[in-house]
Amino acid sequence: MYKESSRNFNEKEIDFINKMRLLWEQHVEWTRMTIISMAEDLDDVNFVTNRLLRNPTDFAHMLTVFYGIEKATQFETLLREHLLIAADLINAAKMNDSEGVKNAEIKWYENANEIAAFLHEINPFLSEVTMREMLHEHLALTESEAIYRINKYYAKDIEIYDKVEEQALEMANEISRAIMKQFPDKFVCKES
């Protein structure tokens, strides 16, 4: 549940918060399904991966309203890289390639830092430090989820996913709050 002190939100704000939460929810859900398909060598891996890779485009569509096509496309590119690096990490982990895992981890965290810096650049109400910490937590949890799945520790995998989901919604709330603060005029409801 989105909470910010005892503030009441209007219909436009609630709609926006819900859309942002949905996108982050889809991000972690389709990531999870891709992890499972990759770890278990399922026939649907290409279909699931393609759906996951639609998520950055969906984010870009939402952000275009606030930041224009160029900035939204930059975010789309960074988020797509985030997902592609995750796939490299999972493939390396499946092959027990510790060097490949290490290299993917380095790239993944560098990408997270780029995303945090970019978000702060386009919205000064998003702390770069806070976003970096949140993204690093997201990566650590997602990597744990993947490793547990690959090693067939299913109960632990599910336990970690619950944390992934909760943390993704926290990121959605943080980003929603900052965008609403930056663009208050876009969230004014007309009186009937």
C-alpha atoms as a PDB file:
ATOM      1  CA  MET A   1       0.000   0.000   0.000  1.00  0.00           C
ATOM      2  CA  TYR A   2       1.331   3.419  -0.918  1.00  0.00           C
ATOM      3  CA  LYS A   3       1.728   5.608   2.148  1.00  0.00           C
ATOM      4  CA  GLU A   4       2.972   9.159   2.500  1.00  0.00           C
ATOM      5  CA  SER A   5       2.126  10.601   5.927  1.00  0.00           C
ATOM      6  CA  SER A   6      -1.626  11.096   6.170  1.00  0.00           C
ATOM      7  CA  ARG A   7      -1.995  12.743   2.783  1.00  0.00           C
ATOM      8  CA  ASN A   8      -5.073  12.028   0.684  1.00  0.00           C
ATOM      9  CA  PHE A   9      -4.488  11.414  -3.007  1.00  0.00           C
ATOM     10  CA  ASN A  10      -6.786  12.541  -5.771  1.00  0.00           C
ATOM     11  CA  GLU A  11      -8.013  10.297  -8.583  1.00  0.00           C
ATOM     12  CA  LYS A  12      -5.234  11.269 -11.036  1.00  0.00           C
ATOM     13  CA  GLU A  13      -2.547  10.628  -8.433  1.00  0.00           C
ATOM     14  CA  ILE A  14      -4.002   7.255  -7.469  1.00  0.00           C
ATOM     15  CA  ASP A  15      -4.239   6.254 -11.131  1.00  0.00           C
ATOM     16  CA  PHE A  16      -0.613   7.259 -11.729  1.00  0.00           C
ATOM     17  CA  ILE A  17       0.652   5.479  -8.605  1.00  0.00           C
ATOM     18  CA  ASN A  18      -1.234   2.331  -9.609  1.00  0.00           C
ATOM     19  CA  LYS A  19       0.202   2.417 -13.145  1.00  0.00           C
ATOM     20  CA  MET A  20       3.747   2.864 -11.831  1.00  0.00           C
ATOM     21  CA  ARG A  21       3.267   0.030  -9.350  1.00  0.00           C
ATOM     22  CA  LEU A  22       1.860  -2.174 -12.123  1.00  0.00           C
ATOM     23  CA  LEU A  23       4.922  -1.578 -14.305  1.00  0.00           C
ATOM     24  CA  TRP A  24       7.309  -2.464 -11.469  1.00  0.00           C
ATOM     25  CA  GLU A  25       5.151  -5.461 -10.560  1.00  0.00           C
ATOM     26  CA  GLN A  26       5.306  -6.640 -14.179  1.00  0.00           C
ATOM     27  CA  HIS A  27       9.048  -6.012 -14.204  1.00  0.00           C
ATOM     28  CA  VAL A  28       9.676  -8.423 -11.343  1.00  0.00           C
ATOM     29  CA  GLU A  29       6.964 -10.920 -12.380  1.00  0.00           C
ATOM     30  CA  TRP A  30       8.267 -11.318 -15.921  1.00  0.00           C
ATOM     31  CA  THR A  31      11.839 -11.361 -14.621  1.00  0.00           C
ATOM     32  CA  ARG A  32      10.832 -14.213 -12.332  1.00  0.00           C
ATOM     33  CA  MET A  33       9.140 -16.111 -15.139  1.00  0.00           C
ATOM     34  CA  THR A  34      12.232 -15.624 -17.307  1.00  0.00           C
ATOM     35  CA  ILE A  35      14.493 -16.855 -14.503  1.00  0.00           C
ATOM     36  CA  ILE A  36      12.347 -19.980 -14.120  1.00  0.00           C
ATOM     37  CA  SER A  37      12.233 -20.628 -17.862  1.00  0.00           C
ATOM     38  CA  MET A  38      15.988 -20.169 -18.218  1.00  0.00           C
ATOM     39  CA  ALA A  39      16.843 -22.214 -15.121  1.00  0.00           C
ATOM     40  CA  GLU A  40      14.559 -25.082 -16.128  1.00  0.00           C
ATOM     41  CA  ASP A  41      15.296 -24.904 -19.881  1.00  0.00           C
ATOM     42  CA  LEU A  42      11.588 -24.503 -20.654  1.00  0.00           C
ATOM     43  CA  ASP A  43      10.332 -24.232 -24.211  1.00  0.00           C
ATOM     44  CA  ASP A  44       8.679 -20.890 -23.492  1.00  0.00           C
ATOM     45  CA  VAL A  45      11.922 -19.057 -22.672  1.00  0.00           C
ATOM     46  CA  ASN A  46      11.937 -16.944 -25.861  1.00  0.00           C
ATOM     47  CA  PHE A  47       8.278 -15.986 -25.479  1.00  0.00           C
ATOM     48  CA  VAL A  48       8.680 -15.088 -21.816  1.00  0.00           C
ATOM     49  CA  THR A  49      11.886 -13.156 -22.475  1.00  0.00           C
ATOM     50  CA  ASN A  50      10.232 -11.185 -25.278  1.00  0.00           C
ATOM     51  CA  ARG A  51       7.399 -10.231 -22.942  1.00  0.00           C
ATOM     52  CA  LEU A  52       9.886  -9.179 -20.278  1.00  0.00           C
ATOM     53  CA  LEU A  53      11.713  -7.013 -22.809  1.00  0.00           C
ATOM     54  CA  ARG A  54       8.462  -5.160 -23.514  1.00  0.00           C
ATOM     55  CA  ASN A  55       8.570  -3.772 -19.953  1.00  0.00           C
ATOM     56  CA  PRO A  56      11.185  -1.055 -20.683  1.00  0.00           C
ATOM     57  CA  THR A  57       9.060   0.143 -23.616  1.00  0.00           C
ATOM     58  CA  ASP A  58       5.987   0.288 -21.384  1.00  0.00           C
ATOM     59  CA  PHE A  59       7.951   2.400 -18.894  1.00  0.00           C
ATOM     60  CA  ALA A  60       9.094   4.695 -21.718  1.00  0.00           C
ATOM     61  CA  HIS A  61       5.506   5.259 -22.856  1.00  0.00           C
ATOM     62  CA  MET A  62       4.544   6.309 -19.350  1.00  0.00           C
ATOM     63  CA  LEU A  63       7.568   8.579 -18.872  1.00  0.00           C
ATOM     64  CA  THR A  64       7.200  10.314 -22.261  1.00  0.00           C
ATOM     65  CA  VAL A  65       4.295  12.364 -20.888  1.00  0.00           C
ATOM     66  CA  PHE A  66       6.630  13.917 -18.321  1.00  0.00           C
ATOM     67  CA  TYR A  67      10.091  13.900 -19.878  1.00  0.00           C
ATOM     68  CA  GLY A  68       9.612  13.685 -23.630  1.00  0.00           C
ATOM     69  CA  ILE A  69      10.588  10.962 -26.073  1.00  0.00           C
ATOM     70  CA  GLU A  70      14.360  11.407 -25.862  1.00  0.00           C
ATOM     71  CA  LYS A  71      14.627  11.031 -22.073  1.00  0.00           C
ATOM     72  CA  ALA A  72      12.027   8.258 -21.983  1.00  0.00           C
ATOM     73  CA  THR A  73      13.982   6.378 -24.657  1.00  0.00           C
ATOM     74  CA  GLN A  74      17.190   6.790 -22.640  1.00  0.00           C
ATOM     75  CA  PHE A  75      15.474   5.203 -19.646  1.00  0.00           C
ATOM     76  CA  GLU A  76      14.121   2.425 -21.883  1.00  0.00           C
ATOM     77  CA  THR A  77      17.641   1.681 -23.116  1.00  0.00           C
ATOM     78  CA  LEU A  78      19.102   1.598 -19.608  1.00  0.00           C
ATOM     79  CA  LEU A  79      16.326  -0.680 -18.321  1.00  0.00           C
ATOM     80  CA  ARG A  80      16.664  -3.003 -21.329  1.00  0.00           C
ATOM     81  CA  GLU A  81      20.414  -3.250 -20.626  1.00  0.00           C
ATOM     82  CA  HIS A  82      19.549  -4.107 -17.010  1.00  0.00           C
ATOM     83  CA  LEU A  83      17.479  -7.066 -18.232  1.00  0.00           C
ATOM     84  CA  LEU A  84      19.995  -8.267 -20.822  1.00  0.00           C
ATOM     85  CA  ILE A  85      22.823  -8.200 -18.286  1.00  0.00           C
ATOM     86  CA  ALA A  86      20.625 -10.206 -15.901  1.00  0.00           C
ATOM     87  CA  ALA A  87      20.233 -12.862 -18.616  1.00  0.00           C
ATOM     88  CA  ASP A  88      24.034 -12.999 -19.019  1.00  0.00           C
ATOM     89  CA  LEU A  89      24.389 -13.461 -15.264  1.00  0.00           C
ATOM     90  CA  ILE A  90      21.822 -16.275 -15.180  1.00  0.00           C
ATOM     91  CA  ASN A  91      23.443 -18.062 -18.124  1.00  0.00           C
ATOM     92  CA  ALA A  92      26.872 -17.780 -16.511  1.00  0.00           C
ATOM     93  CA  ALA A  93      25.511 -19.073 -13.191  1.00  0.00           C
ATOM     94  CA  LYS A  94      23.877 -22.037 -14.948  1.00  0.00           C
ATOM     95  CA  MET A  95      27.235 -22.901 -16.502  1.00  0.00           C
ATOM     96  CA  ASN A  96      29.056 -22.504 -13.162  1.00  0.00           C
ATOM     97  CA  ASP A  97      31.134 -19.815 -14.862  1.00  0.00           C
ATOM     98  CA  SER A  98      32.266 -17.773 -11.847  1.00  0.00           C
ATOM     99  CA  GLU A  99      34.235 -15.341 -14.025  1.00  0.00           C
ATOM    100  CA  GLY A 100      31.191 -14.761 -16.224  1.00  0.00           C
ATOM    101  CA  VAL A 101      29.029 -14.199 -13.149  1.00  0.00           C
ATOM    102  CA  LYS A 102      31.566 -11.736 -11.754  1.00  0.00           C
ATOM    103  CA  ASN A 103      31.761  -9.790 -15.034  1.00  0.00           C
ATOM    104  CA  ALA A 104      27.969  -9.672 -15.357  1.00  0.00           C
ATOM    105  CA  GLU A 105      27.645  -8.492 -11.744  1.00  0.00           C
ATOM    106  CA  ILE A 106      30.093  -5.633 -12.368  1.00  0.00           C
ATOM    107  CA  LYS A 107      28.193  -4.542 -15.492  1.00  0.00           C
ATOM    108  CA  TRP A 108      24.857  -4.920 -13.704  1.00  0.00           C
ATOM    109  CA  TYR A 109      25.834  -2.690 -10.800  1.00  0.00           C
ATOM    110  CA  GLU A 110      27.395  -0.128 -13.154  1.00  0.00           C
ATOM    111  CA  ASN A 111      24.113  -0.092 -15.064  1.00  0.00           C
ATOM    112  CA  ALA A 112      22.179   0.394 -11.799  1.00  0.00           C
ATOM    113  CA  ASN A 113      24.415   3.353 -10.979  1.00  0.00           C
ATOM    114  CA  GLU A 114      23.724   4.809 -14.433  1.00  0.00           C
ATOM    115  CA  ILE A 115      19.969   4.393 -13.920  1.00  0.00           C
ATOM    116  CA  ALA A 116      20.135   6.078 -10.500  1.00  0.00           C
ATOM    117  CA  ALA A 117      22.158   8.988 -11.899  1.00  0.00           C
ATOM    118  CA  PHE A 118      19.818   9.321 -14.862  1.00  0.00           C
ATOM    119  CA  LEU A 119      16.693   9.348 -12.685  1.00  0.00           C
ATOM    120  CA  HIS A 120      18.201  12.038 -10.460  1.00  0.00           C
ATOM    121  CA  GLU A 121      19.232  14.045 -13.516  1.00  0.00           C
ATOM    122  CA  ILE A 122      15.689  14.135 -14.898  1.00  0.00           C
ATOM    123  CA  ASN A 123      14.033  14.521 -11.490  1.00  0.00           C
ATOM    124  CA  PRO A 124      15.845  16.345  -8.670  1.00  0.00           C
ATOM    125  CA  PHE A 125      13.273  14.957  -6.203  1.00  0.00           C
ATOM    126  CA  LEU A 126      14.762  11.495  -6.758  1.00  0.00           C
ATOM    127  CA  SER A 127      17.888  11.174  -4.673  1.00  0.00           C
ATOM    128  CA  GLU A 128      20.664   9.508  -6.651  1.00  0.00           C
ATOM    129  CA  VAL A 129      21.942   7.861  -3.461  1.00  0.00           C
ATOM    130  CA  THR A 130      18.510   6.520  -2.515  1.00  0.00           C
ATOM    131  CA  MET A 131      17.845   5.222  -6.015  1.00  0.00           C
ATOM    132  CA  ARG A 132      21.286   3.601  -6.190  1.00  0.00           C
ATOM    133  CA  GLU A 133      20.674   1.867  -2.850  1.00  0.00           C
ATOM    134  CA  MET A 134      17.238   0.698  -3.953  1.00  0.00           C
ATOM    135  CA  LEU A 135      18.523  -0.579  -7.301  1.00  0.00           C
ATOM    136  CA  HIS A 136      21.451  -2.352  -5.651  1.00  0.00           C
ATOM    137  CA  GLU A 137      19.024  -4.045  -3.258  1.00  0.00           C
ATOM    138  CA  HIS A 138      16.874  -5.026  -6.250  1.00  0.00           C
ATOM    139  CA  LEU A 139      19.903  -6.593  -7.957  1.00  0.00           C
ATOM    140  CA  ALA A 140      21.045  -8.462  -4.860  1.00  0.00           C
ATOM    141  CA  LEU A 141      17.577  -9.885  -4.270  1.00  0.00           C
ATOM    142  CA  THR A 142      17.071 -10.815  -7.931  1.00  0.00           C
ATOM    143  CA  GLU A 143      20.454 -12.521  -8.096  1.00  0.00           C
ATOM    144  CA  SER A 144      19.644 -14.509  -4.946  1.00  0.00           C
ATOM    145  CA  GLU A 145      16.297 -15.465  -6.446  1.00  0.00           C
ATOM    146  CA  ALA A 146      18.013 -16.730  -9.608  1.00  0.00           C
ATOM    147  CA  ILE A 147      20.742 -18.636  -7.758  1.00  0.00           C
ATOM    148  CA  TYR A 148      18.219 -20.357  -5.487  1.00  0.00           C
ATOM    149  CA  ARG A 149      16.095 -21.296  -8.519  1.00  0.00           C
ATOM    150  CA  ILE A 150      19.068 -22.622 -10.488  1.00  0.00           C
ATOM    151  CA  ASN A 151      20.149 -24.710  -7.493  1.00  0.00           C
ATOM    152  CA  LYS A 152      16.567 -25.925  -6.942  1.00  0.00           C
ATOM    153  CA  TYR A 153      16.125 -24.388  -3.488  1.00  0.00           C
ATOM    154  CA  TYR A 154      12.523 -23.628  -4.335  1.00  0.00           C
ATOM    155  CA  ALA A 155      11.288 -22.624  -0.882  1.00  0.00           C
ATOM    156  CA  LYS A 156      14.122 -20.104  -0.500  1.00  0.00           C
ATOM    157  CA  ASP A 157      13.562 -18.895  -4.070  1.00  0.00           C
ATOM    158  CA  ILE A 158       9.905 -18.143  -3.267  1.00  0.00           C
ATOM    159  CA  GLU A 159      10.820 -16.485   0.023  1.00  0.00           C
ATOM    160  CA  ILE A 160      13.261 -14.171  -1.776  1.00  0.00           C
ATOM    161  CA  TYR A 161      10.727 -13.386  -4.500  1.00  0.00           C
ATOM    162  CA  ASP A 162       8.326 -12.060  -1.862  1.00  0.00           C
ATOM    163  CA  LYS A 163      11.078  -9.615  -0.873  1.00  0.00           C
ATOM    164  CA  VAL A 164      11.766  -8.744  -4.530  1.00  0.00           C
ATOM    165  CA  GLU A 165       8.120  -7.891  -5.053  1.00  0.00           C
ATOM    166  CA  GLU A 166       7.849  -5.769  -1.915  1.00  0.00           C
ATOM    167  CA  GLN A 167      11.050  -3.901  -2.723  1.00  0.00           C
ATOM    168  CA  ALA A 168       9.950  -3.223  -6.327  1.00  0.00           C
ATOM    169  CA  LEU A 169       6.769  -1.631  -5.030  1.00  0.00           C
ATOM    170  CA  GLU A 170       8.863   0.577  -2.742  1.00  0.00           C
ATOM    171  CA  MET A 171      10.792   1.752  -5.822  1.00  0.00           C
ATOM    172  CA  ALA A 172       7.509   2.413  -7.618  1.00  0.00           C
ATOM    173  CA  ASN A 173       6.301   4.482  -4.679  1.00  0.00           C
ATOM    174  CA  GLU A 174       9.531   6.479  -4.513  1.00  0.00           C
ATOM    175  CA  ILE A 175       9.467   7.277  -8.221  1.00  0.00           C
ATOM    176  CA  SER A 176       5.742   8.101  -8.165  1.00  0.00           C
ATOM    177  CA  ARG A 177       6.189  10.477  -5.250  1.00  0.00           C
ATOM    178  CA  ALA A 178       9.016  12.302  -6.994  1.00  0.00           C
ATOM    179  CA  ILE A 179       7.213  12.639 -10.325  1.00  0.00           C
ATOM    180  CA  MET A 180       4.058  13.939  -8.641  1.00  0.00           C
ATOM    181  CA  LYS A 181       6.170  16.457  -6.748  1.00  0.00           C
ATOM    182  CA  GLN A 182       7.999  17.555  -9.895  1.00  0.00           C
ATOM    183  CA  PHE A 183       4.849  17.875 -12.028  1.00  0.00           C
ATOM    184  CA  PRO A 184       2.026  18.852  -9.645  1.00  0.00           C
ATOM    185  CA  ASP A 185       0.049  20.522 -12.446  1.00  0.00           C
ATOM    186  CA  LYS A 186      -0.335  17.191 -14.255  1.00  0.00           C
ATOM    187  CA  PHE A 187      -2.147  15.753 -11.239  1.00  0.00           C
ATOM    188  CA  VAL A 188      -4.776  18.419 -10.695  1.00  0.00           C
ATOM    189  CA  CYS A 189      -8.321  17.106 -11.009  1.00  0.00           C
ATOM    190  CA  LYS A 190     -10.847  19.363 -12.655  1.00  0.00           C
ATOM    191  CA  GLU A 191     -13.861  20.059 -10.522  1.00  0.00           C
ATOM    192  CA  SER A 192     -17.134  18.806 -11.925  1.00  0.00           C
END
